Amino acid sequence: MTAWDSEKIINEEEYIINDTVKVIPTPGHTLTDVTVLVTSTQKELIALTGDLFEKYEDIENSNIWLEAGSEDKAQQVKNRLKVANIADWIVPGHGAKFRVTREIRHTLMKQIC
């Protein structure tokens, strides 16, 4: 694999850049979306999600990310929960970073059903 092989990332679970940075596929908004996971010096996992999350408010109001467009709504819902389950912080595509809480995880879990 080359230093940056987007086809591999899209089709595999993750691409490890180094001990603190990896890229995982998170299709939904587009089928080729990825999330960059960074472990901070405080050992917190920060997820740079692009438009998987538009902004904090789209957790309670799904219309925000739905109106922004989604090539696969079911995958986007699943990947939003996947990222929230592993991350301590989320940096969305169009808003300020926010800490992931149990309440956020619970809200996202209810959206799958």
N, C-alpha and C. Protein backbone atom coordinates (compact mmCIF):
# COMPACT_ATOMS: atom_id res chain seq x y z
N MET A 1 0.86 -1.17 0.00
CA MET A 1 0.00 0.00 0.00
C MET A 1 0.90 1.23 0.00
N THR A 2 0.51 2.21 -0.78
CA THR A 2 1.26 3.46 -0.82
C THR A 2 0.98 4.27 0.45
N ALA A 3 1.71 5.38 0.58
CA ALA A 3 1.52 6.23 1.77
C ALA A 3 0.07 6.68 1.92
N TRP A 4 -0.62 6.88 0.83
CA TRP A 4 -2.02 7.30 0.89
C TRP A 4 -2.77 6.60 -0.23
N ASP A 5 -3.52 5.58 0.10
CA ASP A 5 -4.24 4.79 -0.88
C ASP A 5 -5.72 4.82 -0.52
N SER A 6 -6.44 5.77 -1.08
CA SER A 6 -7.84 5.98 -0.70
C SER A 6 -8.72 4.77 -1.01
N GLU A 7 -8.44 4.05 -2.07
CA GLU A 7 -9.24 2.87 -2.39
C GLU A 7 -9.14 1.83 -1.28
N LYS A 8 -7.96 1.65 -0.72
CA LYS A 8 -7.78 0.70 0.37
C LYS A 8 -8.57 1.14 1.60
N ILE A 9 -8.53 2.42 1.93
CA ILE A 9 -9.24 2.92 3.11
C ILE A 9 -10.74 2.72 2.95
N ILE A 10 -11.25 3.00 1.79
CA ILE A 10 -12.68 2.87 1.54
C ILE A 10 -13.13 1.43 1.69
N ASN A 11 -12.30 0.48 1.27
CA ASN A 11 -12.69 -0.92 1.27
C ASN A 11 -12.23 -1.71 2.49
N GLU A 12 -11.41 -1.12 3.35
CA GLU A 12 -10.91 -1.81 4.53
C GLU A 12 -11.38 -1.11 5.79
N GLU A 13 -11.08 -1.69 6.92
CA GLU A 13 -11.52 -1.12 8.18
C GLU A 13 -10.76 0.13 8.58
N GLU A 14 -9.47 0.15 8.38
CA GLU A 14 -8.70 1.32 8.82
C GLU A 14 -7.37 1.39 8.10
N TYR A 15 -6.78 2.56 8.15
CA TYR A 15 -5.44 2.78 7.62
C TYR A 15 -4.65 3.49 8.70
N ILE A 16 -3.64 2.84 9.23
CA ILE A 16 -2.85 3.41 10.32
C ILE A 16 -1.73 4.25 9.73
N ILE A 17 -1.71 5.52 10.11
CA ILE A 17 -0.66 6.43 9.65
C ILE A 17 0.54 6.35 10.60
N ASN A 18 0.26 6.39 11.91
CA ASN A 18 1.32 6.22 12.92
C ASN A 18 0.64 5.82 14.23
N ASP A 19 1.36 5.88 15.32
CA ASP A 19 0.81 5.44 16.61
C ASP A 19 -0.35 6.28 17.11
N THR A 20 -0.48 7.49 16.59
CA THR A 20 -1.53 8.38 17.10
C THR A 20 -2.57 8.79 16.07
N VAL A 21 -2.40 8.40 14.81
CA VAL A 21 -3.33 8.82 13.76
C VAL A 21 -3.70 7.63 12.89
N LYS A 22 -5.01 7.46 12.68
CA LYS A 22 -5.48 6.46 11.72
C LYS A 22 -6.73 6.99 11.03
N VAL A 23 -7.04 6.38 9.90
CA VAL A 23 -8.19 6.77 9.09
C VAL A 23 -9.10 5.56 8.98
N ILE A 24 -10.40 5.80 9.22
CA ILE A 24 -11.38 4.72 9.08
C ILE A 24 -12.47 5.14 8.10
N PRO A 25 -13.02 4.19 7.36
CA PRO A 25 -14.12 4.53 6.46
C PRO A 25 -15.39 4.79 7.27
N THR A 26 -16.09 5.87 6.92
CA THR A 26 -17.37 6.18 7.56
C THR A 26 -18.35 6.69 6.51
N PRO A 27 -18.70 5.83 5.55
CA PRO A 27 -19.61 6.27 4.49
C PRO A 27 -20.98 6.65 5.04
N GLY A 28 -21.63 7.48 4.27
CA GLY A 28 -22.96 7.95 4.62
C GLY A 28 -23.25 9.21 3.86
N HIS A 29 -22.69 10.33 4.33
CA HIS A 29 -22.87 11.59 3.61
C HIS A 29 -22.46 11.39 2.15
N THR A 30 -21.28 10.85 1.94
CA THR A 30 -20.89 10.30 0.63
C THR A 30 -20.42 8.87 0.90
N LEU A 31 -20.38 8.07 -0.13
CA LEU A 31 -19.97 6.69 0.05
C LEU A 31 -18.47 6.54 0.28
N THR A 32 -17.73 7.62 0.06
CA THR A 32 -16.28 7.56 0.23
C THR A 32 -15.80 8.37 1.45
N ASP A 33 -16.70 8.77 2.31
CA ASP A 33 -16.31 9.53 3.51
C ASP A 33 -15.40 8.72 4.42
N VAL A 34 -14.47 9.42 5.04
CA VAL A 34 -13.59 8.82 6.04
C VAL A 34 -13.56 9.72 7.26
N THR A 35 -13.15 9.14 8.38
CA THR A 35 -12.94 9.88 9.61
C THR A 35 -11.49 9.67 10.03
N VAL A 36 -10.86 10.76 10.44
CA VAL A 36 -9.49 10.70 10.93
C VAL A 36 -9.56 10.65 12.46
N LEU A 37 -8.92 9.64 13.04
CA LEU A 37 -8.89 9.47 14.49
C LEU A 37 -7.49 9.82 14.99
N VAL A 38 -7.45 10.73 15.96
CA VAL A 38 -6.18 11.20 16.51
C VAL A 38 -6.20 11.00 18.02
N THR A 39 -5.16 10.37 18.55
CA THR A 39 -5.04 10.24 19.99
C THR A 39 -4.22 11.41 20.49
N SER A 40 -4.80 12.17 21.41
CA SER A 40 -4.14 13.37 21.94
C SER A 40 -3.05 13.00 22.94
N THR A 41 -2.28 13.97 23.32
CA THR A 41 -1.25 13.74 24.34
C THR A 41 -1.87 13.39 25.69
N GLN A 42 -3.15 13.73 25.87
CA GLN A 42 -3.87 13.36 27.09
C GLN A 42 -4.55 12.00 26.95
N LYS A 43 -4.25 11.29 25.84
CA LYS A 43 -4.80 9.95 25.56
C LYS A 43 -6.31 9.97 25.30
N GLU A 44 -6.82 11.09 24.82
CA GLU A 44 -8.21 11.16 24.41
C GLU A 44 -8.27 10.94 22.90
N LEU A 45 -9.32 10.28 22.44
CA LEU A 45 -9.47 10.03 21.01
C LEU A 45 -10.35 11.12 20.39
N ILE A 46 -9.80 11.81 19.43
CA ILE A 46 -10.49 12.91 18.74
C ILE A 46 -10.82 12.42 17.34
N ALA A 47 -12.09 12.56 16.95
CA ALA A 47 -12.55 12.13 15.63
C ALA A 47 -12.84 13.35 14.77
N LEU A 48 -12.09 13.49 13.68
CA LEU A 48 -12.33 14.55 12.69
C LEU A 48 -13.24 13.92 11.64
N THR A 49 -14.52 14.28 11.68
CA THR A 49 -15.53 13.50 10.97
C THR A 49 -16.00 14.07 9.64
N GLY A 50 -15.61 15.28 9.32
CA GLY A 50 -16.19 15.86 8.11
C GLY A 50 -17.70 15.93 8.26
N ASP A 51 -18.41 15.64 7.20
CA ASP A 51 -19.87 15.79 7.22
C ASP A 51 -20.63 14.58 7.73
N LEU A 52 -19.93 13.61 8.33
CA LEU A 52 -20.63 12.55 9.04
C LEU A 52 -21.50 13.20 10.13
N PHE A 53 -20.92 14.19 10.80
CA PHE A 53 -21.63 15.07 11.72
C PHE A 53 -21.49 16.48 11.15
N GLU A 54 -22.59 17.16 10.90
CA GLU A 54 -22.53 18.54 10.43
C GLU A 54 -22.10 19.47 11.57
N LYS A 55 -22.78 19.30 12.72
CA LYS A 55 -22.50 20.08 13.91
C LYS A 55 -23.19 19.41 15.09
N TYR A 56 -22.86 19.85 16.28
CA TYR A 56 -23.40 19.25 17.50
C TYR A 56 -24.93 19.14 17.46
N GLU A 57 -25.58 20.16 16.99
CA GLU A 57 -27.05 20.21 17.02
C GLU A 57 -27.70 19.11 16.19
N ASP A 58 -26.96 18.51 15.25
CA ASP A 58 -27.59 17.49 14.41
C ASP A 58 -27.75 16.15 15.13
N ILE A 59 -27.26 16.06 16.36
CA ILE A 59 -27.48 14.84 17.13
C ILE A 59 -28.94 14.76 17.55
N GLU A 60 -29.49 15.85 18.05
CA GLU A 60 -30.90 15.90 18.45
C GLU A 60 -31.82 16.15 17.26
N ASN A 61 -31.33 16.86 16.25
CA ASN A 61 -32.14 17.23 15.10
C ASN A 61 -31.55 16.62 13.83
N SER A 62 -31.96 15.41 13.52
CA SER A 62 -31.44 14.69 12.35
C SER A 62 -31.69 15.42 11.04
N ASN A 63 -32.68 16.29 11.02
CA ASN A 63 -32.97 17.02 9.78
C ASN A 63 -31.77 17.84 9.31
N ILE A 64 -30.92 18.27 10.25
CA ILE A 64 -29.76 19.08 9.87
C ILE A 64 -28.85 18.30 8.95
N TRP A 65 -28.47 17.05 9.34
CA TRP A 65 -27.58 16.30 8.46
C TRP A 65 -28.32 15.69 7.29
N LEU A 66 -29.59 15.38 7.44
CA LEU A 66 -30.36 14.85 6.31
C LEU A 66 -30.53 15.90 5.21
N GLU A 67 -30.78 17.15 5.61
CA GLU A 67 -30.94 18.21 4.61
C GLU A 67 -29.62 18.56 3.93
N ALA A 68 -28.49 18.23 4.58
CA ALA A 68 -27.17 18.47 3.96
C ALA A 68 -26.90 17.42 2.88
N GLY A 69 -27.68 16.36 2.87
CA GLY A 69 -27.53 15.31 1.88
C GLY A 69 -26.84 14.09 2.47
N SER A 70 -27.28 12.94 2.01
CA SER A 70 -26.70 11.68 2.46
C SER A 70 -26.86 10.67 1.34
N GLU A 71 -25.75 10.11 0.89
CA GLU A 71 -25.82 9.09 -0.17
C GLU A 71 -26.30 7.76 0.38
N ASP A 72 -26.18 7.54 1.69
CA ASP A 72 -26.66 6.30 2.31
C ASP A 72 -27.01 6.60 3.76
N LYS A 73 -28.28 6.93 3.98
CA LYS A 73 -28.73 7.33 5.32
C LYS A 73 -28.51 6.24 6.36
N ALA A 74 -28.78 4.99 5.99
CA ALA A 74 -28.62 3.89 6.95
C ALA A 74 -27.16 3.75 7.38
N GLN A 75 -26.24 3.84 6.43
CA GLN A 75 -24.82 3.76 6.79
C GLN A 75 -24.39 4.97 7.62
N GLN A 76 -24.93 6.13 7.29
CA GLN A 76 -24.55 7.33 8.03
C GLN A 76 -24.99 7.22 9.49
N VAL A 77 -26.19 6.77 9.72
CA VAL A 77 -26.69 6.59 11.09
C VAL A 77 -25.78 5.60 11.83
N LYS A 78 -25.47 4.48 11.19
CA LYS A 78 -24.62 3.46 11.80
C LYS A 78 -23.22 4.00 12.10
N ASN A 79 -22.64 4.74 11.17
CA ASN A 79 -21.29 5.24 11.36
C ASN A 79 -21.22 6.39 12.35
N ARG A 80 -22.30 7.15 12.48
CA ARG A 80 -22.34 8.20 13.50
C ARG A 80 -22.24 7.55 14.89
N LEU A 81 -22.99 6.47 15.11
CA LEU A 81 -22.92 5.76 16.38
C LEU A 81 -21.55 5.10 16.56
N LYS A 82 -21.04 4.50 15.51
CA LYS A 82 -19.71 3.85 15.58
C LYS A 82 -18.66 4.85 16.06
N VAL A 83 -18.63 6.02 15.48
CA VAL A 83 -17.64 7.03 15.87
C VAL A 83 -17.90 7.51 17.29
N ALA A 84 -19.14 7.76 17.63
CA ALA A 84 -19.45 8.23 18.99
C ALA A 84 -19.07 7.18 20.04
N ASN A 85 -19.16 5.92 19.68
CA ASN A 85 -18.81 4.86 20.63
C ASN A 85 -17.32 4.75 20.89
N ILE A 86 -16.49 5.26 19.99
CA ILE A 86 -15.04 5.14 20.20
C ILE A 86 -14.36 6.46 20.53
N ALA A 87 -15.01 7.57 20.22
CA ALA A 87 -14.36 8.88 20.38
C ALA A 87 -14.69 9.54 21.71
N ASP A 88 -13.74 10.34 22.18
CA ASP A 88 -13.98 11.20 23.34
C ASP A 88 -14.46 12.57 22.88
N TRP A 89 -13.96 13.00 21.72
CA TRP A 89 -14.31 14.29 21.13
C TRP A 89 -14.64 14.09 19.66
N ILE A 90 -15.57 14.90 19.15
CA ILE A 90 -15.89 14.91 17.71
C ILE A 90 -15.68 16.32 17.20
N VAL A 91 -14.98 16.41 16.07
CA VAL A 91 -14.84 17.67 15.35
C VAL A 91 -15.69 17.51 14.09
N PRO A 92 -16.88 18.13 14.07
CA PRO A 92 -17.78 17.97 12.94
C PRO A 92 -17.36 18.84 11.75
N GLY A 93 -18.03 18.62 10.64
CA GLY A 93 -17.69 19.35 9.42
C GLY A 93 -17.97 20.84 9.47
N HIS A 94 -18.97 21.27 10.26
CA HIS A 94 -19.39 22.67 10.21
C HIS A 94 -19.72 23.25 11.58
N GLY A 95 -18.96 22.89 12.57
CA GLY A 95 -19.24 23.42 13.89
C GLY A 95 -18.08 23.19 14.83
N ALA A 96 -18.27 23.62 16.05
CA ALA A 96 -17.22 23.49 17.06
C ALA A 96 -17.12 22.03 17.53
N LYS A 97 -15.93 21.67 18.00
CA LYS A 97 -15.76 20.32 18.55
C LYS A 97 -16.64 20.17 19.77
N PHE A 98 -16.99 18.91 20.06
CA PHE A 98 -17.79 18.65 21.25
C PHE A 98 -17.37 17.32 21.87
N ARG A 99 -17.53 17.26 23.20
CA ARG A 99 -17.22 16.04 23.94
C ARG A 99 -18.37 15.05 23.76
N VAL A 100 -18.02 13.79 23.57
CA VAL A 100 -19.03 12.73 23.45
C VAL A 100 -19.42 12.28 24.84
N THR A 101 -20.71 12.24 25.08
CA THR A 101 -21.25 11.84 26.39
C THR A 101 -22.09 10.57 26.24
N ARG A 102 -22.44 9.99 27.37
CA ARG A 102 -23.35 8.84 27.34
C ARG A 102 -24.69 9.22 26.73
N GLU A 103 -25.14 10.44 27.00
CA GLU A 103 -26.41 10.89 26.45
C GLU A 103 -26.36 10.96 24.92
N ILE A 104 -25.25 11.43 24.39
CA ILE A 104 -25.09 11.49 22.94
C ILE A 104 -25.13 10.08 22.36
N ARG A 105 -24.40 9.17 22.97
CA ARG A 105 -24.39 7.78 22.49
C ARG A 105 -25.79 7.18 22.55
N HIS A 106 -26.50 7.45 23.63
CA HIS A 106 -27.87 6.93 23.79
C HIS A 106 -28.79 7.50 22.70
N THR A 107 -28.70 8.80 22.45
CA THR A 107 -29.53 9.43 21.41
C THR A 107 -29.24 8.81 20.04
N LEU A 108 -27.97 8.63 19.72
CA LEU A 108 -27.61 8.05 18.42
C LEU A 108 -28.05 6.60 18.32
N MET A 109 -28.00 5.87 19.41
CA MET A 109 -28.46 4.47 19.42
C MET A 109 -29.95 4.40 19.11
N LYS A 110 -30.74 5.31 19.68
CA LYS A 110 -32.18 5.32 19.43
C LYS A 110 -32.50 5.62 17.96
N GLN A 111 -31.62 6.34 17.27
CA GLN A 111 -31.87 6.69 15.87
C GLN A 111 -31.68 5.50 14.93
N ILE A 112 -31.01 4.45 15.40
CA ILE A 112 -30.81 3.26 14.58
C ILE A 112 -32.10 2.46 14.49
N CYS A 113 -32.85 2.44 15.56
CA CYS A 113 -34.07 1.62 15.62
C CYS A 113 -35.19 2.15 14.78
